[in-house]
Amino acid sequence: MGKTIQVFGFPYVVAAERVKEFLEGITGHGTVYALEVKQSKGGHRAYAKVQFASNRSAEYIISL
């Protein structure tokens, strides 16, 4: 299985499916294996822990 990364800067209330659609719009359909959206402590933003199907997809998101 691919790499797991954290992606920050999402609106405080955002659906996991919306985050998946956003990321797969960049990396391609089926590249997100699993994800979990969490709200930052004391903040007004959310972040996602995302496991990609391949390291290549994760590295591409990190490079942006």
PDB file of N, CA and C in Angstrom:
ATOM      1  N   MET A   1       0.842  -1.174   0.000  1.00  0.00           N
ATOM      2  CA  MET A   1       0.000   0.000   0.000  1.00  0.00           C
ATOM      3  C   MET A   1       0.887   1.236   0.000  1.00  0.00           C
ATOM      4  N   GLY A   2       0.312   2.335  -0.429  1.00  0.00           N
ATOM      5  CA  GLY A   2       1.074   3.572  -0.575  1.00  0.00           C
ATOM      6  C   GLY A   2       1.269   4.325   0.720  1.00  0.00           C
ATOM      7  N   LYS A   3       1.745   5.509   0.573  1.00  0.00           N
ATOM      8  CA  LYS A   3       2.126   6.384   1.670  1.00  0.00           C
ATOM      9  C   LYS A   3       0.919   7.110   2.256  1.00  0.00           C
ATOM     10  N   THR A   4       0.953   7.368   3.569  1.00  0.00           N
ATOM     11  CA  THR A   4      -0.072   8.156   4.250  1.00  0.00           C
ATOM     12  C   THR A   4       0.505   9.523   4.575  1.00  0.00           C
ATOM     13  N   ILE A   5      -0.240  10.564   4.224  1.00  0.00           N
ATOM     14  CA  ILE A   5       0.204  11.934   4.498  1.00  0.00           C
ATOM     15  C   ILE A   5      -0.944  12.717   5.114  1.00  0.00           C
ATOM     16  N   GLN A   6      -0.630  13.892   5.671  1.00  0.00           N
ATOM     17  CA  GLN A   6      -1.636  14.808   6.163  1.00  0.00           C
ATOM     18  C   GLN A   6      -1.691  15.997   5.222  1.00  0.00           C
ATOM     19  N   VAL A   7      -2.917  16.398   4.876  1.00  0.00           N
ATOM     20  CA  VAL A   7      -3.139  17.522   3.978  1.00  0.00           C
ATOM     21  C   VAL A   7      -3.964  18.544   4.748  1.00  0.00           C
ATOM     22  N   PHE A   8      -3.458  19.768   4.844  1.00  0.00           N
ATOM     23  CA  PHE A   8      -4.081  20.811   5.658  1.00  0.00           C
ATOM     24  C   PHE A   8      -4.760  21.869   4.804  1.00  0.00           C
ATOM     25  N   GLY A   9      -5.650  22.668   5.463  1.00  0.00           N
ATOM     26  CA  GLY A   9      -6.215  23.852   4.833  1.00  0.00           C
ATOM     27  C   GLY A   9      -7.629  23.716   4.309  1.00  0.00           C
ATOM     28  N   PHE A  10      -8.330  22.678   4.706  1.00  0.00           N
ATOM     29  CA  PHE A  10      -9.704  22.509   4.258  1.00  0.00           C
ATOM     30  C   PHE A  10     -10.639  23.313   5.163  1.00  0.00           C
ATOM     31  N   PRO A  11     -11.829  23.679   4.657  1.00  0.00           N
ATOM     32  CA  PRO A  11     -12.812  24.353   5.522  1.00  0.00           C
ATOM     33  C   PRO A  11     -13.110  23.494   6.750  1.00  0.00           C
ATOM     34  N   TYR A  12     -13.512  24.148   7.846  1.00  0.00           N
ATOM     35  CA  TYR A  12     -13.738  23.450   9.115  1.00  0.00           C
ATOM     36  C   TYR A  12     -14.712  22.288   8.968  1.00  0.00           C
ATOM     37  N   VAL A  13     -15.774  22.492   8.201  1.00  0.00           N
ATOM     38  CA  VAL A  13     -16.749  21.428   7.969  1.00  0.00           C
ATOM     39  C   VAL A  13     -16.655  21.025   6.499  1.00  0.00           C
ATOM     40  N   VAL A  14     -16.068  19.865   6.258  1.00  0.00           N
ATOM     41  CA  VAL A  14     -15.932  19.358   4.904  1.00  0.00           C
ATOM     42  C   VAL A  14     -16.121  17.842   4.938  1.00  0.00           C
ATOM     43  N   ALA A  15     -16.848  17.332   3.974  1.00  0.00           N
ATOM     44  CA  ALA A  15     -17.108  15.893   3.903  1.00  0.00           C
ATOM     45  C   ALA A  15     -15.889  15.157   3.355  1.00  0.00           C
ATOM     46  N   ALA A  16     -15.658  13.967   3.868  1.00  0.00           N
ATOM     47  CA  ALA A  16     -14.533  13.148   3.406  1.00  0.00           C
ATOM     48  C   ALA A  16     -14.633  12.881   1.905  1.00  0.00           C
ATOM     49  N   GLU A  17     -15.831  12.664   1.409  1.00  0.00           N
ATOM     50  CA  GLU A  17     -16.014  12.397  -0.023  1.00  0.00           C
ATOM     51  C   GLU A  17     -15.576  13.600  -0.862  1.00  0.00           C
ATOM     52  N   ARG A  18     -15.821  14.791  -0.365  1.00  0.00           N
ATOM     53  CA  ARG A  18     -15.410  16.011  -1.086  1.00  0.00           C
ATOM     54  C   ARG A  18     -13.883  16.112  -1.136  1.00  0.00           C
ATOM     55  N   VAL A  19     -13.216  15.780  -0.040  1.00  0.00           N
ATOM     56  CA  VAL A  19     -11.753  15.796  -0.009  1.00  0.00           C
ATOM     57  C   VAL A  19     -11.204  14.761  -0.989  1.00  0.00           C
ATOM     58  N   LYS A  20     -11.810  13.581  -0.997  1.00  0.00           N
ATOM     59  CA  LYS A  20     -11.380  12.523  -1.919  1.00  0.00           C
ATOM     60  C   LYS A  20     -11.539  12.968  -3.367  1.00  0.00           C
ATOM     61  N   GLU A  21     -12.677  13.557  -3.695  1.00  0.00           N
ATOM     62  CA  GLU A  21     -12.896  14.053  -5.063  1.00  0.00           C
ATOM     63  C   GLU A  21     -11.859  15.098  -5.442  1.00  0.00           C
ATOM     64  N   PHE A  22     -11.558  15.995  -4.517  1.00  0.00           N
ATOM     65  CA  PHE A  22     -10.568  17.044  -4.765  1.00  0.00           C
ATOM     66  C   PHE A  22      -9.189  16.446  -5.064  1.00  0.00           C
ATOM     67  N   LEU A  23      -8.741  15.542  -4.191  1.00  0.00           N
ATOM     68  CA  LEU A  23      -7.411  14.956  -4.361  1.00  0.00           C
ATOM     69  C   LEU A  23      -7.333  14.077  -5.604  1.00  0.00           C
ATOM     70  N   GLU A  24      -8.363  13.285  -5.850  1.00  0.00           N
ATOM     71  CA  GLU A  24      -8.354  12.429  -7.039  1.00  0.00           C
ATOM     72  C   GLU A  24      -8.505  13.244  -8.318  1.00  0.00           C
ATOM     73  N   GLY A  25      -9.014  14.456  -8.215  1.00  0.00           N
ATOM     74  CA  GLY A  25      -9.035  15.353  -9.361  1.00  0.00           C
ATOM     75  C   GLY A  25      -7.630  15.763  -9.776  1.00  0.00           C
ATOM     76  N   ILE A  26      -6.713  15.701  -8.830  1.00  0.00           N
ATOM     77  CA  ILE A  26      -5.312  16.045  -9.090  1.00  0.00           C
ATOM     78  C   ILE A  26      -4.498  14.805  -9.453  1.00  0.00           C
ATOM     79  N   THR A  27      -4.704  13.718  -8.700  1.00  0.00           N
ATOM     80  CA  THR A  27      -3.848  12.534  -8.854  1.00  0.00           C
ATOM     81  C   THR A  27      -4.451  11.426  -9.713  1.00  0.00           C
ATOM     82  N   GLY A  28      -5.751  11.500  -9.988  1.00  0.00           N
ATOM     83  CA  GLY A  28      -6.403  10.491 -10.818  1.00  0.00           C
ATOM     84  C   GLY A  28      -7.375   9.631 -10.030  1.00  0.00           C
ATOM     85  N   HIS A  29      -8.382   9.141 -10.713  1.00  0.00           N
ATOM     86  CA  HIS A  29      -9.426   8.311 -10.099  1.00  0.00           C
ATOM     87  C   HIS A  29      -8.831   7.036  -9.485  1.00  0.00           C
ATOM     88  N   GLY A  30      -9.262   6.732  -8.270  1.00  0.00           N
ATOM     89  CA  GLY A  30      -8.827   5.506  -7.609  1.00  0.00           C
ATOM     90  C   GLY A  30      -7.489   5.584  -6.902  1.00  0.00           C
ATOM     91  N   THR A  31      -6.908   6.774  -6.808  1.00  0.00           N
ATOM     92  CA  THR A  31      -5.585   6.899  -6.185  1.00  0.00           C
ATOM     93  C   THR A  31      -5.641   7.059  -4.669  1.00  0.00           C
ATOM     94  N   VAL A  32      -6.796   7.457  -4.125  1.00  0.00           N
ATOM     95  CA  VAL A  32      -6.950   7.579  -2.674  1.00  0.00           C
ATOM     96  C   VAL A  32      -7.483   6.255  -2.146  1.00  0.00           C
ATOM     97  N   TYR A  33      -6.712   5.623  -1.271  1.00  0.00           N
ATOM     98  CA  TYR A  33      -7.106   4.329  -0.709  1.00  0.00           C
ATOM     99  C   TYR A  33      -8.015   4.520   0.505  1.00  0.00           C
ATOM    100  N   ALA A  34      -7.651   5.443   1.382  1.00  0.00           N
ATOM    101  CA  ALA A  34      -8.435   5.713   2.590  1.00  0.00           C
ATOM    102  C   ALA A  34      -8.146   7.121   3.059  1.00  0.00           C
ATOM    103  N   LEU A  35      -9.119   7.724   3.761  1.00  0.00           N
ATOM    104  CA  LEU A  35      -8.869   9.036   4.343  1.00  0.00           C
ATOM    105  C   LEU A  35      -9.767   9.282   5.532  1.00  0.00           C
ATOM    106  N   GLU A  36      -9.312  10.188   6.374  1.00  0.00           N
ATOM    107  CA  GLU A  36     -10.052  10.579   7.562  1.00  0.00           C
ATOM    108  C   GLU A  36      -9.912  12.088   7.699  1.00  0.00           C
ATOM    109  N   VAL A  37     -11.034  12.778   7.853  1.00  0.00           N
ATOM    110  CA  VAL A  37     -11.023  14.229   8.014  1.00  0.00           C
ATOM    111  C   VAL A  37     -11.170  14.552   9.494  1.00  0.00           C
ATOM    112  N   LYS A  38     -10.329  15.476   9.975  1.00  0.00           N
ATOM    113  CA  LYS A  38     -10.362  15.896  11.374  1.00  0.00           C
ATOM    114  C   LYS A  38     -10.325  17.418  11.439  1.00  0.00           C
ATOM    115  N   GLN A  39     -10.895  17.977  12.510  1.00  0.00           N
ATOM    116  CA  GLN A  39     -10.826  19.411  12.730  1.00  0.00           C
ATOM    117  C   GLN A  39      -9.599  19.714  13.574  1.00  0.00           C
ATOM    118  N   SER A  40      -8.905  20.806  13.211  1.00  0.00           N
ATOM    119  CA  SER A  40      -7.731  21.191  13.985  1.00  0.00           C
ATOM    120  C   SER A  40      -8.172  21.727  15.343  1.00  0.00           C
ATOM    121  N   LYS A  41      -7.368  21.522  16.342  1.00  0.00           N
ATOM    122  CA  LYS A  41      -7.697  21.965  17.695  1.00  0.00           C
ATOM    123  C   LYS A  41      -7.585  23.485  17.775  1.00  0.00           C
ATOM    124  N   GLY A  42      -8.673  24.112  18.184  1.00  0.00           N
ATOM    125  CA  GLY A  42      -8.671  25.552  18.365  1.00  0.00           C
ATOM    126  C   GLY A  42      -8.660  26.349  17.072  1.00  0.00           C
ATOM    127  N   GLY A  43      -8.698  25.682  15.962  1.00  0.00           N
ATOM    128  CA  GLY A  43      -8.641  26.372  14.680  1.00  0.00           C
ATOM    129  C   GLY A  43      -9.964  26.381  13.956  1.00  0.00           C
ATOM    130  N   HIS A  44      -9.955  26.969  12.812  1.00  0.00           N
ATOM    131  CA  HIS A  44     -11.160  27.034  11.999  1.00  0.00           C
ATOM    132  C   HIS A  44     -10.954  26.302  10.691  1.00  0.00           C
ATOM    133  N   ARG A  45     -10.049  25.360  10.690  1.00  0.00           N
ATOM    134  CA  ARG A  45      -9.745  24.582   9.493  1.00  0.00           C
ATOM    135  C   ARG A  45      -9.775  23.104   9.822  1.00  0.00           C
ATOM    136  N   ALA A  46      -9.891  22.308   8.776  1.00  0.00           N
ATOM    137  CA  ALA A  46      -9.825  20.853   8.917  1.00  0.00           C
ATOM    138  C   ALA A  46      -8.592  20.357   8.173  1.00  0.00           C
ATOM    139  N   TYR A  47      -8.198  19.146   8.492  1.00  0.00           N
ATOM    140  CA  TYR A  47      -7.114  18.497   7.765  1.00  0.00           C
ATOM    141  C   TYR A  47      -7.516  17.058   7.517  1.00  0.00           C
ATOM    142  N   ALA A  48      -6.837  16.436   6.584  1.00  0.00           N
ATOM    143  CA  ALA A  48      -7.158  15.052   6.236  1.00  0.00           C
ATOM    144  C   ALA A  48      -5.911  14.182   6.333  1.00  0.00           C
ATOM    145  N   LYS A  49      -6.068  13.018   6.929  1.00  0.00           N
ATOM    146  CA  LYS A  49      -5.046  11.979   6.882  1.00  0.00           C
ATOM    147  C   LYS A  49      -5.417  11.107   5.696  1.00  0.00           C
ATOM    148  N   VAL A  50      -4.549  11.065   4.705  1.00  0.00           N
ATOM    149  CA  VAL A  50      -4.874  10.407   3.439  1.00  0.00           C
ATOM    150  C   VAL A  50      -3.869   9.310   3.144  1.00  0.00           C
ATOM    151  N   GLN A  51      -4.365   8.113   2.879  1.00  0.00           N
ATOM    152  CA  GLN A  51      -3.520   7.007   2.440  1.00  0.00           C
ATOM    153  C   GLN A  51      -3.758   6.830   0.952  1.00  0.00           C
ATOM    154  N   PHE A  52      -2.707   6.967   0.184  1.00  0.00           N
ATOM    155  CA  PHE A  52      -2.793   6.807  -1.260  1.00  0.00           C
ATOM    156  C   PHE A  52      -2.499   5.372  -1.650  1.00  0.00           C
ATOM    157  N   ALA A  53      -2.981   4.983  -2.805  1.00  0.00           N
ATOM    158  CA  ALA A  53      -2.755   3.635  -3.316  1.00  0.00           C
ATOM    159  C   ALA A  53      -1.304   3.430  -3.727  1.00  0.00           C
ATOM    160  N   SER A  54      -0.596   4.523  -4.014  1.00  0.00           N
ATOM    161  CA  SER A  54       0.821   4.414  -4.390  1.00  0.00           C
ATOM    162  C   SER A  54       1.611   5.563  -3.773  1.00  0.00           C
ATOM    163  N   ASN A  55       2.882   5.331  -3.574  1.00  0.00           N
ATOM    164  CA  ASN A  55       3.757   6.388  -3.069  1.00  0.00           C
ATOM    165  C   ASN A  55       3.839   7.547  -4.056  1.00  0.00           C
ATOM    166  N   ARG A  56       3.760   7.236  -5.322  1.00  0.00           N
ATOM    167  CA  ARG A  56       3.880   8.264  -6.370  1.00  0.00           C
ATOM    168  C   ARG A  56       2.801   9.341  -6.231  1.00  0.00           C
ATOM    169  N   SER A  57       1.572   8.939  -5.978  1.00  0.00           N
ATOM    170  CA  SER A  57       0.485   9.903  -5.811  1.00  0.00           C
ATOM    171  C   SER A  57       0.712  10.782  -4.590  1.00  0.00           C
ATOM    172  N   ALA A  58       1.126  10.172  -3.488  1.00  0.00           N
ATOM    173  CA  ALA A  58       1.401  10.940  -2.277  1.00  0.00           C
ATOM    174  C   ALA A  58       2.533  11.927  -2.509  1.00  0.00           C
ATOM    175  N   GLU A  59       3.584  11.492  -3.139  1.00  0.00           N
ATOM    176  CA  GLU A  59       4.721  12.372  -3.404  1.00  0.00           C
ATOM    177  C   GLU A  59       4.330  13.520  -4.317  1.00  0.00           C
ATOM    178  N   TYR A  60       3.429  13.269  -5.249  1.00  0.00           N
ATOM    179  CA  TYR A  60       2.973  14.331  -6.138  1.00  0.00           C
ATOM    180  C   TYR A  60       2.227  15.410  -5.342  1.00  0.00           C
ATOM    181  N   ILE A  61       1.333  15.008  -4.435  1.00  0.00           N
ATOM    182  CA  ILE A  61       0.613  15.973  -3.601  1.00  0.00           C
ATOM    183  C   ILE A  61       1.591  16.742  -2.717  1.00  0.00           C
ATOM    184  N   ILE A  62       2.564  16.082  -2.154  1.00  0.00           N
ATOM    185  CA  ILE A  62       3.559  16.742  -1.302  1.00  0.00           C
ATOM    186  C   ILE A  62       4.330  17.792  -2.110  1.00  0.00           C
ATOM    187  N   SER A  63       4.568  17.531  -3.371  1.00  0.00           N
ATOM    188  CA  SER A  63       5.375  18.454  -4.191  1.00  0.00           C
ATOM    189  C   SER A  63       4.627  19.727  -4.565  1.00  0.00           C
ATOM    190  N   LEU A  64       3.326  19.762  -4.391  1.00  0.00           N
ATOM    191  CA  LEU A  64       2.536  20.948  -4.772  1.00  0.00           C
ATOM    192  C   LEU A  64       2.701  22.093  -3.801  1.00  0.00           C
TER     193      LEU A  64
END
